[in-house]
PDB file of N, CA and C in Angstrom:
ATOM      1  N   MET A   1      -8.911 -26.141 149.635  1.00  0.00           N
ATOM      2  CA  MET A   1      -8.593 -27.013 150.684  1.00  0.00           C
ATOM      3  C   MET A   1      -9.279 -28.528 150.358  1.00  0.00           C
ATOM      4  N   PRO A   2      -8.373 -29.556 150.481  1.00  0.00           N
ATOM      5  CA  PRO A   2      -8.871 -30.891 149.936  1.00  0.00           C
ATOM      6  C   PRO A   2      -9.991 -31.263 150.815  1.00  0.00           C
ATOM      7  N   SER A   3     -10.921 -31.946 150.174  1.00  0.00           N
ATOM      8  CA  SER A   3     -12.102 -32.571 150.807  1.00  0.00           C
ATOM      9  C   SER A   3     -11.636 -33.849 151.506  1.00  0.00           C
ATOM     10  N   GLY A   4     -12.551 -34.421 152.298  1.00  0.00           N
ATOM     11  CA  GLY A   4     -12.177 -35.739 153.036  1.00  0.00           C
ATOM     12  C   GLY A   4     -11.837 -36.876 152.151  1.00  0.00           C
ATOM     13  N   LYS A   5     -12.602 -36.758 151.107  1.00  0.00           N
ATOM     14  CA  LYS A   5     -12.357 -37.805 150.056  1.00  0.00           C
ATOM     15  C   LYS A   5     -10.968 -37.712 149.358  1.00  0.00           C
ATOM     16  N   ASP A   6     -10.549 -36.579 149.058  1.00  0.00           N
ATOM     17  CA  ASP A   6      -9.313 -36.383 148.487  1.00  0.00           C
ATOM     18  C   ASP A   6      -8.200 -36.530 149.533  1.00  0.00           C
ATOM     19  N   SER A   7      -8.418 -36.246 150.685  1.00  0.00           N
ATOM     20  CA  SER A   7      -7.376 -36.520 151.680  1.00  0.00           C
ATOM     21  C   SER A   7      -7.228 -37.905 152.004  1.00  0.00           C
ATOM     22  N   ASP A   8      -8.297 -38.709 151.946  1.00  0.00           N
ATOM     23  CA  ASP A   8      -8.263 -40.026 152.141  1.00  0.00           C
ATOM     24  C   ASP A   8      -7.282 -40.713 150.971  1.00  0.00           C
ATOM     25  N   SER A   9      -7.774 -40.427 149.676  1.00  0.00           N
ATOM     26  CA  SER A   9      -6.978 -40.751 148.703  1.00  0.00           C
ATOM     27  C   SER A   9      -5.538 -40.525 148.699  1.00  0.00           C
ATOM     28  N   ALA A  10      -5.146 -39.354 149.145  1.00  0.00           N
ATOM     29  CA  ALA A  10      -3.856 -38.920 149.238  1.00  0.00           C
ATOM     30  C   ALA A  10      -3.149 -39.721 150.275  1.00  0.00           C
ATOM     31  N   GLY A  11      -3.781 -39.857 151.414  1.00  0.00           N
ATOM     32  CA  GLY A  11      -3.233 -40.796 152.461  1.00  0.00           C
ATOM     33  C   GLY A  11      -2.913 -42.028 152.008  1.00  0.00           C
ATOM     34  N   ARG A  12      -3.873 -42.772 151.227  1.00  0.00           N
ATOM     35  CA  ARG A  12      -3.573 -44.101 150.755  1.00  0.00           C
ATOM     36  C   ARG A  12      -2.462 -44.164 149.958  1.00  0.00           C
ATOM     37  N   LYS A  13      -2.286 -42.999 149.137  1.00  0.00           N
ATOM     38  CA  LYS A  13      -1.130 -43.125 148.065  1.00  0.00           C
ATOM     39  C   LYS A  13       0.156 -43.012 148.910  1.00  0.00           C
ATOM     40  N   VAL A  14       0.158 -42.054 149.687  1.00  0.00           N
ATOM     41  CA  VAL A  14       1.314 -42.025 150.712  1.00  0.00           C
ATOM     42  C   VAL A  14       1.686 -43.285 151.414  1.00  0.00           C
ATOM     43  N   ASP A  15       0.602 -43.871 152.035  1.00  0.00           N
ATOM     44  CA  ASP A  15       0.869 -45.130 152.692  1.00  0.00           C
ATOM     45  C   ASP A  15       1.135 -46.289 151.778  1.00  0.00           C
ATOM     46  N   SER A  16       0.772 -46.302 150.590  1.00  0.00           N
ATOM     47  CA  SER A  16       1.294 -47.073 149.484  1.00  0.00           C
ATOM     48  C   SER A  16       2.709 -47.129 149.242  1.00  0.00           C
ATOM     49  N   ALA A  17       3.075 -45.887 148.981  1.00  0.00           N
ATOM     50  CA  ALA A  17       4.529 -45.487 148.519  1.00  0.00           C
ATOM     51  C   ALA A  17       5.386 -45.877 149.557  1.00  0.00           C
ATOM     52  N   PHE A  18       4.980 -45.569 151.055  1.00  0.00           N
ATOM     53  CA  PHE A  18       5.949 -46.151 151.993  1.00  0.00           C
ATOM     54  C   PHE A  18       5.938 -47.657 152.190  1.00  0.00           C
ATOM     55  N   GLN A  19       4.849 -48.335 151.958  1.00  0.00           N
ATOM     56  CA  GLN A  19       4.801 -49.809 151.920  1.00  0.00           C
ATOM     57  C   GLN A  19       5.880 -50.289 150.743  1.00  0.00           C
ATOM     58  N   GLU A  20       5.684 -49.572 149.672  1.00  0.00           N
ATOM     59  CA  GLU A  20       6.600 -50.047 148.512  1.00  0.00           C
ATOM     60  C   GLU A  20       8.099 -49.740 148.915  1.00  0.00           C
ATOM     61  N   LEU A  21       8.365 -48.628 149.513  1.00  0.00           N
ATOM     62  CA  LEU A  21       9.808 -48.300 149.996  1.00  0.00           C
ATOM     63  C   LEU A  21      10.208 -49.386 150.925  1.00  0.00           C
ATOM     64  N   ASP A  22       9.288 -49.751 151.916  1.00  0.00           N
ATOM     65  CA  ASP A  22       9.691 -50.943 152.785  1.00  0.00           C
ATOM     66  C   ASP A  22      10.111 -52.242 152.166  1.00  0.00           C
ATOM     67  N   ARG A  23       9.230 -52.511 151.066  1.00  0.00           N
ATOM     68  CA  ARG A  23       9.485 -53.774 150.384  1.00  0.00           C
ATOM     69  C   ARG A  23      10.950 -53.647 149.560  1.00  0.00           C
ATOM     70  N   ASP A  24      10.994 -52.547 149.041  1.00  0.00           N
ATOM     71  CA  ASP A  24      12.215 -52.201 148.323  1.00  0.00           C
ATOM     72  C   ASP A  24      13.514 -52.443 149.264  1.00  0.00           C
ATOM     73  N   ALA A  25      13.333 -51.774 150.522  1.00  0.00           N
ATOM     74  CA  ALA A  25      14.494 -51.801 151.392  1.00  0.00           C
ATOM     75  C   ALA A  25      14.782 -53.358 151.876  1.00  0.00           C
ATOM     76  N   GLU A  26      13.669 -54.062 152.157  1.00  0.00           N
ATOM     77  CA  GLU A  26      13.903 -55.428 152.410  1.00  0.00           C
ATOM     78  C   GLU A  26      14.529 -56.316 151.231  1.00  0.00           C
ATOM     79  N   ARG A  27      14.247 -55.831 150.004  1.00  0.00           N
ATOM     80  CA  ARG A  27      14.804 -56.675 148.925  1.00  0.00           C
ATOM     81  C   ARG A  27      16.228 -56.399 148.849  1.00  0.00           C
ATOM     82  N   LEU A  28      16.536 -54.917 149.168  1.00  0.00           N
ATOM     83  CA  LEU A  28      17.944 -54.553 148.970  1.00  0.00           C
ATOM     84  C   LEU A  28      18.848 -55.186 150.148  1.00  0.00           C
ATOM     85  N   ILE A  29      18.339 -55.077 151.305  1.00  0.00           N
ATOM     86  CA  ILE A  29      18.933 -55.803 152.537  1.00  0.00           C
ATOM     87  C   ILE A  29      19.192 -57.315 152.191  1.00  0.00           C
ATOM     88  N   ALA A  30      18.202 -57.872 151.769  1.00  0.00           N
ATOM     89  CA  ALA A  30      18.420 -59.395 151.330  1.00  0.00           C
ATOM     90  C   ALA A  30      19.344 -59.476 150.494  1.00  0.00           C
ATOM     91  N   TYR A  31      19.429 -58.810 149.277  1.00  0.00           N
ATOM     92  CA  TYR A  31      20.459 -58.841 148.196  1.00  0.00           C
ATOM     93  C   TYR A  31      21.856 -58.580 148.918  1.00  0.00           C
ATOM     94  N   LEU A  32      22.010 -57.542 149.686  1.00  0.00           N
ATOM     95  CA  LEU A  32      23.317 -57.293 150.211  1.00  0.00           C
ATOM     96  C   LEU A  32      23.657 -58.536 151.057  1.00  0.00           C
ATOM     97  N   ASN A  33      22.838 -58.971 151.972  1.00  0.00           N
ATOM     98  CA  ASN A  33      23.245 -59.921 152.903  1.00  0.00           C
ATOM     99  C   ASN A  33      23.609 -61.493 152.116  1.00  0.00           C
ATOM    100  N   ASP A  34      22.655 -61.593 150.999  1.00  0.00           N
ATOM    101  CA  ASP A  34      22.810 -62.968 150.210  1.00  0.00           C
ATOM    102  C   ASP A  34      23.949 -62.879 149.101  1.00  0.00           C
ATOM    103  N   GLU A  35      24.142 -61.702 148.588  1.00  0.00           N
ATOM    104  CA  GLU A  35      25.020 -61.796 147.476  1.00  0.00           C
ATOM    105  C   GLU A  35      26.366 -60.800 147.742  1.00  0.00           C
ATOM    106  N   ILE A  36      26.219 -59.742 148.339  1.00  0.00           N
ATOM    107  CA  ILE A  36      27.480 -58.896 148.329  1.00  0.00           C
ATOM    108  C   ILE A  36      28.310 -59.253 149.536  1.00  0.00           C
ATOM    109  N   VAL A  37      27.719 -59.388 150.802  1.00  0.00           N
ATOM    110  CA  VAL A  37      28.469 -59.701 152.006  1.00  0.00           C
ATOM    111  C   VAL A  37      29.411 -60.900 151.809  1.00  0.00           C
ATOM    112  N   PRO A  38      28.712 -62.193 151.228  1.00  0.00           N
ATOM    113  CA  PRO A  38      29.600 -63.278 151.008  1.00  0.00           C
ATOM    114  C   PRO A  38      30.656 -63.125 149.974  1.00  0.00           C
ATOM    115  N   ALA A  39      30.435 -62.298 148.833  1.00  0.00           N
ATOM    116  CA  ALA A  39      31.596 -62.050 147.951  1.00  0.00           C
ATOM    117  C   ALA A  39      32.621 -61.137 148.485  1.00  0.00           C
ATOM    118  N   ILE A  40      32.302 -60.227 149.326  1.00  0.00           N
ATOM    119  CA  ILE A  40      33.287 -59.593 150.006  1.00  0.00           C
ATOM    120  C   ILE A  40      34.111 -60.451 151.104  1.00  0.00           C
ATOM    121  N   ARG A  41      33.360 -61.234 151.733  1.00  0.00           N
ATOM    122  CA  ARG A  41      34.174 -62.193 152.578  1.00  0.00           C
ATOM    123  C   ARG A  41      35.168 -63.071 151.926  1.00  0.00           C
ATOM    124  N   GLN A  42      34.561 -63.612 150.856  1.00  0.00           N
ATOM    125  CA  GLN A  42      35.539 -64.559 150.034  1.00  0.00           C
ATOM    126  C   GLN A  42      36.691 -63.899 149.408  1.00  0.00           C
ATOM    127  N   HIS A  43      36.502 -62.524 148.990  1.00  0.00           N
ATOM    128  CA  HIS A  43      37.727 -61.871 148.457  1.00  0.00           C
ATOM    129  C   HIS A  43      38.696 -61.457 149.614  1.00  0.00           C
ATOM    130  N   SER A  44      37.986 -61.010 150.636  1.00  0.00           N
ATOM    131  CA  SER A  44      38.796 -60.701 151.895  1.00  0.00           C
ATOM    132  C   SER A  44      39.753 -61.929 152.554  1.00  0.00           C
ATOM    133  N   SER A  45      39.024 -63.042 152.342  1.00  0.00           N
ATOM    134  CA  SER A  45      39.685 -64.126 152.848  1.00  0.00           C
ATOM    135  C   SER A  45      40.869 -64.542 151.892  1.00  0.00           C
ATOM    136  N   ARG A  46      40.747 -64.414 150.581  1.00  0.00           N
ATOM    137  CA  ARG A  46      41.678 -64.496 149.570  1.00  0.00           C
ATOM    138  C   ARG A  46      42.921 -63.622 149.832  1.00  0.00           C
ATOM    139  N   GLY A  47      42.614 -62.361 150.089  1.00  0.00           N
ATOM    140  CA  GLY A  47      43.478 -61.388 150.238  1.00  0.00           C
ATOM    141  C   GLY A  47      44.501 -61.734 151.474  1.00  0.00           C
ATOM    142  N   LEU A  48      43.723 -62.008 152.514  1.00  0.00           N
ATOM    143  CA  LEU A  48      44.433 -62.374 153.865  1.00  0.00           C
ATOM    144  C   LEU A  48      45.194 -63.647 153.634  1.00  0.00           C
ATOM    145  N   ARG A  49      44.799 -64.625 152.846  1.00  0.00           N
ATOM    146  CA  ARG A  49      45.800 -65.829 152.535  1.00  0.00           C
ATOM    147  C   ARG A  49      46.850 -65.327 151.717  1.00  0.00           C
ATOM    148  N   ALA A  50      46.708 -64.487 150.775  1.00  0.00           N
ATOM    149  CA  ALA A  50      47.854 -64.092 149.974  1.00  0.00           C
ATOM    150  C   ALA A  50      48.881 -63.311 150.849  1.00  0.00           C
ATOM    151  N   ALA A  51      48.352 -62.522 151.748  1.00  0.00           N
ATOM    152  CA  ALA A  51      49.207 -61.597 152.441  1.00  0.00           C
ATOM    153  C   ALA A  51      49.901 -62.667 153.425  1.00  0.00           C
ATOM    154  N   ALA A  52      49.310 -63.652 154.099  1.00  0.00           N
ATOM    155  CA  ALA A  52      49.972 -64.688 154.915  1.00  0.00           C
ATOM    156  C   ALA A  52      50.902 -65.487 154.213  1.00  0.00           C
ATOM    157  N   GLN A  53      50.842 -65.681 152.974  1.00  0.00           N
ATOM    158  CA  GLN A  53      51.962 -66.338 152.134  1.00  0.00           C
ATOM    159  C   GLN A  53      53.210 -65.517 152.004  1.00  0.00           C
ATOM    160  N   GLU A  54      52.860 -64.219 151.652  1.00  0.00           N
ATOM    161  CA  GLU A  54      53.912 -63.297 151.646  1.00  0.00           C
ATOM    162  C   GLU A  54      54.724 -62.974 152.836  1.00  0.00           C
ATOM    163  N   LEU A  55      53.983 -62.940 154.024  1.00  0.00           N
ATOM    164  CA  LEU A  55      54.667 -62.734 155.253  1.00  0.00           C
ATOM    165  C   LEU A  55      55.406 -64.104 155.467  1.00  0.00           C
ATOM    166  N   GLN A  56      54.937 -65.223 155.180  1.00  0.00           N
ATOM    167  CA  GLN A  56      55.513 -66.571 155.472  1.00  0.00           C
ATOM    168  C   GLN A  56      56.903 -66.534 154.612  1.00  0.00           C
ATOM    169  N   LYS A  57      56.931 -65.888 153.387  1.00  0.00           N
ATOM    170  CA  LYS A  57      58.246 -65.900 152.621  1.00  0.00           C
ATOM    171  C   LYS A  57      59.181 -64.921 153.207  1.00  0.00           C
ATOM    172  N   PHE A  58      58.720 -63.831 153.712  1.00  0.00           N
ATOM    173  CA  PHE A  58      59.511 -62.897 154.365  1.00  0.00           C
ATOM    174  C   PHE A  58      60.052 -63.325 155.558  1.00  0.00           C
ATOM    175  N   ALA A  59      59.371 -64.046 156.367  1.00  0.00           N
ATOM    176  CA  ALA A  59      59.854 -64.556 157.692  1.00  0.00           C
ATOM    177  C   ALA A  59      61.052 -65.528 157.279  1.00  0.00           C
ATOM    178  N   GLU A  60      60.712 -66.422 156.331  1.00  0.00           N
ATOM    179  CA  GLU A  60      61.848 -67.404 155.846  1.00  0.00           C
ATOM    180  C   GLU A  60      63.097 -66.746 155.442  1.00  0.00           C
ATOM    181  N   PHE A  61      62.948 -65.569 154.666  1.00  0.00           N
ATOM    182  CA  PHE A  61      64.106 -64.734 154.259  1.00  0.00           C
ATOM    183  C   PHE A  61      64.856 -64.135 155.324  1.00  0.00           C
ATOM    184  N   LEU A  62      64.087 -63.553 156.317  1.00  0.00           N
ATOM    185  CA  LEU A  62      64.710 -63.060 157.467  1.00  0.00           C
ATOM    186  C   LEU A  62      65.436 -64.085 158.224  1.00  0.00           C
ATOM    187  N   ASP A  63      64.879 -65.385 158.387  1.00  0.00           N
ATOM    188  CA  ASP A  63      65.658 -66.562 158.957  1.00  0.00           C
ATOM    189  C   ASP A  63      66.964 -66.760 158.484  1.00  0.00           C
ATOM    190  N   ARG A  64      66.707 -66.891 157.143  1.00  0.00           N
ATOM    191  CA  ARG A  64      68.166 -67.217 156.227  1.00  0.00           C
ATOM    192  C   ARG A  64      69.051 -66.081 156.524  1.00  0.00           C
ATOM    193  N   GLN A  65      68.772 -64.837 156.685  1.00  0.00           N
ATOM    194  CA  GLN A  65      69.626 -63.606 156.675  1.00  0.00           C
ATOM    195  C   GLN A  65      70.328 -63.734 158.008  1.00  0.00           C
ATOM    196  N   THR A  66      69.557 -64.069 159.208  1.00  0.00           N
ATOM    197  CA  THR A  66      70.185 -64.187 160.494  1.00  0.00           C
ATOM    198  C   THR A  66      70.978 -65.477 160.775  1.00  0.00           C
ATOM    199  N   LYS A  67      70.884 -66.406 159.978  1.00  0.00           N
ATOM    200  CA  LYS A  67      71.719 -67.687 160.051  1.00  0.00           C
ATOM    201  C   LYS A  67      73.187 -67.457 159.414  1.00  0.00           C
ATOM    202  N   LYS A  68      73.268 -66.487 158.615  1.00  0.00           N
ATOM    203  CA  LYS A  68      74.587 -66.328 157.753  1.00  0.00           C
ATOM    204  C   LYS A  68      75.688 -65.766 158.658  1.00  0.00           C
TER     205      LYS A  68
END
């Protein structure tokens, strides 16, 4: 059975590991928010614009077909 001193040391190591995990999680969240999310939004908006242009062309095509 571990002595009180060994138990305290193990407890500090576990606490230190959890603090490190918390810092890593904060860095990961910051990276996602600062780098990944804006990139996804930028690419998503480009995709929506491209789709809107194609829909505009299709609408014009339909208009031409109905006027014949």
